[in-house]
Amino acid sequence: MKSATARFQMGHLGATPAVLEEISKEEMFQLLERHLCGDWGDVTENDARANELALRHGLRIMSWYQTSCGARIQIITEADRSATTILLAKEY
């Protein structure tokens, strides 16, 4: 995968134990790169627009992705960009 430029800072990175058990670190970092570059994954048009507004106005950014093993994960970057958390959808 070609590395792209991040559109925002991620702050401290955290992942739940369930995510670390469910998907490989390689895939987790590929999905994180998508999130940081503005590929919001499996979101509605409204959610994508909300993320674009969040970039400009310092609000929370949320992306959803389907993993290769069929798990659904969410990546959340806090409004102050102090932290990004990766979790399974069922943990949200």
Protein backbone atom coordinates (compact mmCIF):
# COMPACT_ATOMS: atom_id res chain seq x y z
CA MET A 1 0.00 0.00 0.00
CA LYS A 2 1.39 3.37 -0.99
CA SER A 3 1.80 5.72 1.95
CA ALA A 4 -0.30 8.87 1.77
CA THR A 5 -0.14 12.08 3.77
CA ALA A 6 -2.09 12.26 7.02
CA ARG A 7 -4.69 15.02 7.17
CA PHE A 8 -4.60 15.33 10.97
CA GLN A 9 -2.62 14.30 14.04
CA MET A 10 -3.71 11.12 15.81
CA GLY A 11 -2.29 11.79 19.27
CA HIS A 12 -1.78 8.72 21.46
CA LEU A 13 -2.84 5.48 19.81
CA GLY A 14 -4.89 2.91 21.69
CA ALA A 15 -6.53 -0.35 20.68
CA THR A 16 -8.80 -2.56 22.73
CA PRO A 17 -7.64 -6.07 23.60
CA ALA A 18 -10.47 -7.47 21.46
CA VAL A 19 -9.16 -5.65 18.37
CA LEU A 20 -5.64 -6.90 19.01
CA GLU A 21 -6.96 -10.47 19.19
CA GLU A 22 -9.25 -10.13 16.16
CA ILE A 23 -7.05 -8.55 13.46
CA SER A 24 -3.36 -8.47 12.59
CA LYS A 25 -1.28 -5.43 13.51
CA GLU A 26 -0.50 -5.00 9.81
CA GLU A 27 -4.17 -4.70 8.91
CA MET A 28 -4.84 -2.49 11.92
CA PHE A 29 -2.14 -0.04 10.77
CA GLN A 30 -3.42 -0.12 7.17
CA LEU A 31 -6.88 0.86 8.41
CA LEU A 32 -5.39 3.52 10.68
CA GLU A 33 -3.55 4.99 7.69
CA ARG A 34 -6.83 5.14 5.75
CA HIS A 35 -8.47 6.94 8.69
CA LEU A 36 -5.65 9.48 9.01
CA CYS A 37 -5.70 10.17 5.26
CA GLY A 38 -9.45 10.86 5.17
CA ASP A 39 -10.74 7.55 3.81
CA TRP A 40 -13.57 7.17 6.32
CA GLY A 41 -14.40 3.62 5.27
CA ASP A 42 -17.99 2.36 5.45
CA VAL A 43 -19.80 5.54 6.48
CA THR A 44 -22.84 7.33 5.12
CA GLU A 45 -22.48 10.48 3.05
CA ASN A 46 -23.70 12.47 6.06
CA ASP A 47 -21.05 10.91 8.31
CA ALA A 48 -18.35 11.61 5.71
CA ARG A 49 -19.46 15.27 5.55
CA ALA A 50 -19.46 15.40 9.36
CA ASN A 51 -15.86 14.15 9.39
CA GLU A 52 -14.84 16.79 6.87
CA LEU A 53 -16.44 19.45 9.07
CA ALA A 54 -14.71 17.92 12.10
CA LEU A 55 -11.36 18.38 10.37
CA ARG A 56 -12.01 22.10 9.94
CA HIS A 57 -13.65 22.77 13.30
CA GLY A 58 -11.76 20.52 15.70
CA LEU A 59 -14.47 17.94 16.36
CA ARG A 60 -14.30 14.17 16.89
CA ILE A 61 -13.59 12.06 13.78
CA MET A 62 -15.06 8.56 13.41
CA SER A 63 -14.45 5.93 10.73
CA TRP A 64 -15.84 2.42 10.23
CA TYR A 65 -14.15 -0.46 8.41
CA GLN A 66 -14.78 -4.11 7.60
CA THR A 67 -11.66 -6.23 8.19
CA SER A 68 -10.44 -9.13 6.07
CA CYS A 69 -11.72 -11.58 8.71
CA GLY A 70 -15.20 -10.02 8.65
CA ALA A 71 -14.93 -8.02 11.86
CA ARG A 72 -16.30 -4.49 11.87
CA ILE A 73 -14.10 -1.92 13.59
CA GLN A 74 -14.35 1.73 14.45
CA ILE A 75 -11.52 4.24 14.68
CA ILE A 76 -12.16 7.39 16.71
CA THR A 77 -9.90 10.43 16.95
CA GLU A 78 -10.80 12.79 19.78
CA ALA A 79 -11.73 16.40 19.07
CA ASP A 80 -8.53 17.76 20.60
CA ARG A 81 -6.49 15.22 18.56
CA SER A 82 -4.95 13.92 21.80
CA ALA A 83 -5.85 10.28 21.15
CA THR A 84 -7.06 7.81 18.54
CA THR A 85 -8.73 4.58 19.62
CA ILE A 86 -9.39 1.44 17.56
CA LEU A 87 -12.19 -0.82 18.77
CA LEU A 88 -14.61 -3.47 17.57
CA ALA A 89 -18.01 -2.13 16.58
CA LYS A 90 -19.68 -4.22 19.28
CA GLU A 91 -17.53 -2.45 21.89
CA TYR A 92 -18.81 1.04 21.00
